[in-house]
Amino acid sequence: MYINVASNYPLNITIEYVPRYDDVEEVVSDYWIDILMKLALAITKITVGRVRSRYVQSNALWQNDVNILQEGLDEYSQLQQYLQANLQLVYPID
């Protein structure tokens, strides 16, 4: 570690360790598991909604619900806003 100081030595320094996760199974905190599940659900709704809106069946007795795309986009946007608002969380991922 190298600390470059332009003037006057600081009395204290803070070292922040941010772990790197290579696998989702390494996350064990209930808070972050909940966030990951909500994120996965929103992305799944977006994917299914895009697939359903791409192809339309004209003579079918039923019709696919294409509102799932907008629902997924809304959930994803709300989750991003929530995470941005709570950027300074004290909950560790592990």
N, C-alpha and C. Protein backbone atom coordinates (compact mmCIF):
# COMPACT_ATOMS: atom_id res chain seq x y z
N MET A 1 0.85 -1.15 0.00
CA MET A 1 0.00 0.00 0.00
C MET A 1 0.90 1.22 0.00
N TYR A 2 0.49 2.21 -0.78
CA TYR A 2 1.24 3.45 -0.88
C TYR A 2 0.29 4.61 -0.66
N ILE A 3 0.63 5.52 0.24
CA ILE A 3 -0.19 6.69 0.50
C ILE A 3 0.62 7.92 0.13
N ASN A 4 0.10 8.71 -0.79
CA ASN A 4 0.77 9.92 -1.24
C ASN A 4 0.11 11.11 -0.57
N VAL A 5 0.90 11.90 0.16
CA VAL A 5 0.39 13.05 0.88
C VAL A 5 1.10 14.29 0.37
N ALA A 6 0.34 15.30 -0.07
CA ALA A 6 0.94 16.52 -0.59
C ALA A 6 1.50 17.40 0.53
N SER A 7 0.80 17.48 1.63
CA SER A 7 1.27 18.28 2.76
C SER A 7 0.73 17.68 4.05
N ASN A 8 1.35 17.97 5.15
CA ASN A 8 0.94 17.52 6.49
C ASN A 8 0.47 16.07 6.51
N TYR A 9 1.06 15.30 7.34
CA TYR A 9 0.69 13.90 7.48
C TYR A 9 -0.69 13.80 8.15
N PRO A 10 -1.58 12.97 7.63
CA PRO A 10 -2.89 12.81 8.26
C PRO A 10 -2.76 12.03 9.57
N LEU A 11 -3.63 12.33 10.51
CA LEU A 11 -3.62 11.60 11.77
C LEU A 11 -4.21 10.20 11.61
N ASN A 12 -5.19 10.09 10.75
CA ASN A 12 -5.87 8.81 10.53
C ASN A 12 -6.05 8.57 9.04
N ILE A 13 -6.08 7.31 8.67
CA ILE A 13 -6.45 6.92 7.31
C ILE A 13 -7.49 5.81 7.42
N THR A 14 -8.31 5.70 6.43
CA THR A 14 -9.34 4.65 6.41
C THR A 14 -9.08 3.74 5.22
N ILE A 15 -9.06 2.47 5.47
CA ILE A 15 -8.88 1.48 4.42
C ILE A 15 -10.20 0.73 4.30
N GLU A 16 -10.74 0.73 3.11
CA GLU A 16 -12.02 0.04 2.88
C GLU A 16 -11.76 -1.20 2.04
N TYR A 17 -12.21 -2.31 2.55
CA TYR A 17 -12.07 -3.57 1.82
C TYR A 17 -13.40 -3.91 1.17
N VAL A 18 -13.38 -4.07 -0.13
CA VAL A 18 -14.58 -4.44 -0.87
C VAL A 18 -14.32 -5.82 -1.47
N PRO A 19 -14.98 -6.85 -0.94
CA PRO A 19 -14.73 -8.20 -1.44
C PRO A 19 -15.28 -8.40 -2.85
N ARG A 20 -14.64 -9.28 -3.58
CA ARG A 20 -15.09 -9.61 -4.92
C ARG A 20 -15.75 -10.99 -4.87
N TYR A 21 -16.96 -11.05 -5.41
CA TYR A 21 -17.70 -12.31 -5.42
C TYR A 21 -17.72 -12.85 -6.83
N ASP A 22 -17.34 -14.11 -6.96
CA ASP A 22 -17.33 -14.77 -8.27
C ASP A 22 -18.55 -15.66 -8.47
N ASP A 23 -19.25 -15.96 -7.38
CA ASP A 23 -20.40 -16.85 -7.46
C ASP A 23 -21.50 -16.32 -6.54
N VAL A 24 -22.74 -16.42 -6.99
CA VAL A 24 -23.85 -15.91 -6.20
C VAL A 24 -24.02 -16.68 -4.89
N GLU A 25 -23.53 -17.90 -4.82
CA GLU A 25 -23.64 -18.69 -3.61
C GLU A 25 -22.78 -18.16 -2.47
N GLU A 26 -21.85 -17.26 -2.78
CA GLU A 26 -21.01 -16.66 -1.75
C GLU A 26 -21.76 -15.61 -0.94
N VAL A 27 -22.88 -15.12 -1.45
CA VAL A 27 -23.69 -14.13 -0.75
C VAL A 27 -24.58 -14.87 0.24
N VAL A 28 -24.44 -14.57 1.53
CA VAL A 28 -25.21 -15.28 2.55
C VAL A 28 -26.12 -14.37 3.36
N SER A 29 -26.03 -13.07 3.17
CA SER A 29 -26.86 -12.12 3.91
C SER A 29 -28.28 -12.14 3.36
N ASP A 30 -29.26 -12.23 4.27
CA ASP A 30 -30.67 -12.27 3.85
C ASP A 30 -31.06 -11.00 3.10
N TYR A 31 -30.52 -9.86 3.51
CA TYR A 31 -30.84 -8.59 2.85
C TYR A 31 -30.43 -8.64 1.39
N TRP A 32 -29.20 -9.04 1.12
CA TRP A 32 -28.70 -9.05 -0.26
C TRP A 32 -29.30 -10.18 -1.07
N ILE A 33 -29.64 -11.28 -0.44
CA ILE A 33 -30.33 -12.36 -1.16
C ILE A 33 -31.69 -11.87 -1.63
N ASP A 34 -32.39 -11.11 -0.78
CA ASP A 34 -33.68 -10.53 -1.15
C ASP A 34 -33.53 -9.57 -2.33
N ILE A 35 -32.51 -8.73 -2.30
CA ILE A 35 -32.27 -7.79 -3.40
C ILE A 35 -31.97 -8.56 -4.69
N LEU A 36 -31.14 -9.59 -4.61
CA LEU A 36 -30.81 -10.39 -5.80
C LEU A 36 -32.03 -11.10 -6.36
N MET A 37 -32.90 -11.60 -5.48
CA MET A 37 -34.12 -12.28 -5.95
C MET A 37 -35.05 -11.30 -6.66
N LYS A 38 -35.20 -10.10 -6.10
CA LYS A 38 -36.04 -9.09 -6.74
C LYS A 38 -35.46 -8.68 -8.09
N LEU A 39 -34.15 -8.55 -8.16
CA LEU A 39 -33.50 -8.19 -9.41
C LEU A 39 -33.67 -9.29 -10.45
N ALA A 40 -33.50 -10.54 -10.04
CA ALA A 40 -33.68 -11.67 -10.96
C ALA A 40 -35.11 -11.75 -11.46
N LEU A 41 -36.09 -11.51 -10.59
CA LEU A 41 -37.50 -11.54 -10.99
C LEU A 41 -37.81 -10.44 -12.00
N ALA A 42 -37.29 -9.24 -11.76
CA ALA A 42 -37.53 -8.13 -12.68
C ALA A 42 -36.91 -8.40 -14.04
N ILE A 43 -35.69 -8.92 -14.07
CA ILE A 43 -35.04 -9.21 -15.35
C ILE A 43 -35.75 -10.35 -16.08
N THR A 44 -36.26 -11.33 -15.34
CA THR A 44 -37.02 -12.42 -15.96
C THR A 44 -38.30 -11.89 -16.58
N LYS A 45 -39.01 -10.99 -15.88
CA LYS A 45 -40.23 -10.41 -16.44
C LYS A 45 -39.93 -9.61 -17.70
N ILE A 46 -38.82 -8.89 -17.69
CA ILE A 46 -38.44 -8.11 -18.88
C ILE A 46 -38.17 -9.05 -20.05
N THR A 47 -37.45 -10.13 -19.80
CA THR A 47 -37.12 -11.09 -20.87
C THR A 47 -38.38 -11.75 -21.42
N VAL A 48 -39.25 -12.24 -20.53
CA VAL A 48 -40.49 -12.89 -20.97
C VAL A 48 -41.38 -11.89 -21.70
N GLY A 49 -41.45 -10.67 -21.20
CA GLY A 49 -42.27 -9.64 -21.84
C GLY A 49 -41.79 -9.30 -23.23
N ARG A 50 -40.47 -9.25 -23.42
CA ARG A 50 -39.93 -8.96 -24.75
C ARG A 50 -40.19 -10.10 -25.71
N VAL A 51 -40.08 -11.33 -25.23
CA VAL A 51 -40.36 -12.48 -26.09
C VAL A 51 -41.84 -12.50 -26.48
N ARG A 52 -42.72 -12.26 -25.52
CA ARG A 52 -44.16 -12.29 -25.79
C ARG A 52 -44.59 -11.15 -26.69
N SER A 53 -43.96 -10.01 -26.58
CA SER A 53 -44.38 -8.87 -27.41
C SER A 53 -43.80 -8.95 -28.82
N ARG A 54 -42.83 -9.81 -29.02
CA ARG A 54 -42.20 -9.92 -30.34
C ARG A 54 -43.11 -10.66 -31.33
N TYR A 55 -43.78 -11.69 -30.84
CA TYR A 55 -44.63 -12.51 -31.71
C TYR A 55 -46.06 -12.44 -31.22
N VAL A 56 -46.98 -12.15 -32.11
CA VAL A 56 -48.39 -12.03 -31.76
C VAL A 56 -49.16 -13.12 -32.48
N GLN A 57 -50.04 -13.82 -31.77
CA GLN A 57 -50.90 -14.82 -32.37
C GLN A 57 -52.25 -14.17 -32.68
N SER A 58 -52.60 -14.14 -33.94
CA SER A 58 -53.79 -13.41 -34.33
C SER A 58 -55.09 -14.21 -34.17
N ASN A 59 -55.07 -15.52 -34.43
CA ASN A 59 -56.30 -16.32 -34.39
C ASN A 59 -56.39 -17.21 -33.16
N ALA A 60 -55.63 -16.93 -32.14
CA ALA A 60 -55.65 -17.77 -30.94
C ALA A 60 -56.87 -17.46 -30.09
N LEU A 61 -57.31 -18.45 -29.31
CA LEU A 61 -58.43 -18.25 -28.40
C LEU A 61 -58.03 -17.41 -27.19
N TRP A 62 -56.75 -17.28 -26.94
CA TRP A 62 -56.24 -16.50 -25.84
C TRP A 62 -55.13 -15.60 -26.36
N GLN A 63 -54.80 -14.63 -25.59
CA GLN A 63 -53.75 -13.71 -26.00
C GLN A 63 -52.76 -13.54 -24.84
N ASN A 64 -51.50 -13.48 -25.18
CA ASN A 64 -50.47 -13.30 -24.15
C ASN A 64 -50.61 -11.93 -23.49
N ASP A 65 -50.30 -11.90 -22.22
CA ASP A 65 -50.31 -10.65 -21.48
C ASP A 65 -48.97 -9.96 -21.72
N VAL A 66 -48.97 -8.90 -22.52
CA VAL A 66 -47.72 -8.19 -22.83
C VAL A 66 -47.41 -7.12 -21.80
N ASN A 67 -48.26 -6.96 -20.80
CA ASN A 67 -48.01 -5.98 -19.75
C ASN A 67 -46.86 -6.39 -18.84
N ILE A 68 -46.43 -7.64 -18.93
CA ILE A 68 -45.37 -8.12 -18.05
C ILE A 68 -44.06 -7.39 -18.35
N LEU A 69 -43.85 -6.97 -19.59
CA LEU A 69 -42.64 -6.22 -19.93
C LEU A 69 -42.59 -4.91 -19.16
N GLN A 70 -43.67 -4.15 -19.20
CA GLN A 70 -43.70 -2.87 -18.50
C GLN A 70 -43.60 -3.08 -16.98
N GLU A 71 -44.22 -4.13 -16.48
CA GLU A 71 -44.14 -4.43 -15.05
C GLU A 71 -42.70 -4.73 -14.64
N GLY A 72 -42.00 -5.52 -15.45
CA GLY A 72 -40.60 -5.82 -15.17
C GLY A 72 -39.72 -4.60 -15.24
N LEU A 73 -39.95 -3.74 -16.24
CA LEU A 73 -39.17 -2.51 -16.38
C LEU A 73 -39.40 -1.58 -15.19
N ASP A 74 -40.65 -1.51 -14.73
CA ASP A 74 -40.97 -0.67 -13.56
C ASP A 74 -40.29 -1.20 -12.30
N GLU A 75 -40.36 -2.51 -12.09
CA GLU A 75 -39.73 -3.11 -10.91
C GLU A 75 -38.21 -2.91 -10.94
N TYR A 76 -37.62 -3.09 -12.12
CA TYR A 76 -36.18 -2.91 -12.27
C TYR A 76 -35.77 -1.47 -11.99
N SER A 77 -36.55 -0.53 -12.51
CA SER A 77 -36.27 0.88 -12.28
C SER A 77 -36.41 1.24 -10.80
N GLN A 78 -37.46 0.75 -10.15
CA GLN A 78 -37.66 1.02 -8.72
C GLN A 78 -36.53 0.44 -7.88
N LEU A 79 -36.07 -0.75 -8.25
CA LEU A 79 -34.98 -1.37 -7.52
C LEU A 79 -33.68 -0.59 -7.69
N GLN A 80 -33.43 -0.10 -8.89
CA GLN A 80 -32.24 0.72 -9.12
C GLN A 80 -32.32 2.02 -8.31
N GLN A 81 -33.48 2.65 -8.29
CA GLN A 81 -33.64 3.88 -7.51
C GLN A 81 -33.45 3.61 -6.01
N TYR A 82 -33.97 2.49 -5.54
CA TYR A 82 -33.82 2.12 -4.13
C TYR A 82 -32.34 1.93 -3.77
N LEU A 83 -31.62 1.23 -4.63
CA LEU A 83 -30.21 0.99 -4.36
C LEU A 83 -29.40 2.28 -4.45
N GLN A 84 -29.75 3.18 -5.36
CA GLN A 84 -29.06 4.47 -5.45
C GLN A 84 -29.33 5.31 -4.20
N ALA A 85 -30.55 5.27 -3.70
CA ALA A 85 -30.90 6.06 -2.51
C ALA A 85 -30.23 5.51 -1.26
N ASN A 86 -29.97 4.22 -1.24
CA ASN A 86 -29.35 3.57 -0.08
C ASN A 86 -27.92 3.15 -0.39
N LEU A 87 -27.22 4.04 -1.04
CA LEU A 87 -25.85 3.73 -1.47
C LEU A 87 -24.90 3.51 -0.31
N GLN A 88 -25.12 4.20 0.79
CA GLN A 88 -24.24 4.11 1.94
C GLN A 88 -24.77 3.12 2.98
N LEU A 89 -25.10 1.93 2.54
CA LEU A 89 -25.64 0.92 3.44
C LEU A 89 -24.57 0.41 4.39
N VAL A 90 -24.98 0.05 5.57
CA VAL A 90 -24.05 -0.54 6.52
C VAL A 90 -24.20 -2.07 6.55
N TYR A 91 -25.07 -2.59 5.68
CA TYR A 91 -25.23 -4.04 5.62
C TYR A 91 -24.14 -4.63 4.75
N PRO A 92 -23.30 -5.48 5.27
CA PRO A 92 -22.31 -6.12 4.41
C PRO A 92 -22.96 -7.18 3.54
N ILE A 93 -22.35 -7.47 2.43
CA ILE A 93 -22.90 -8.49 1.52
C ILE A 93 -22.74 -9.87 2.10
N ASP A 94 -21.68 -10.11 2.84
CA ASP A 94 -21.46 -11.47 3.36
C ASP A 94 -22.16 -11.69 4.67
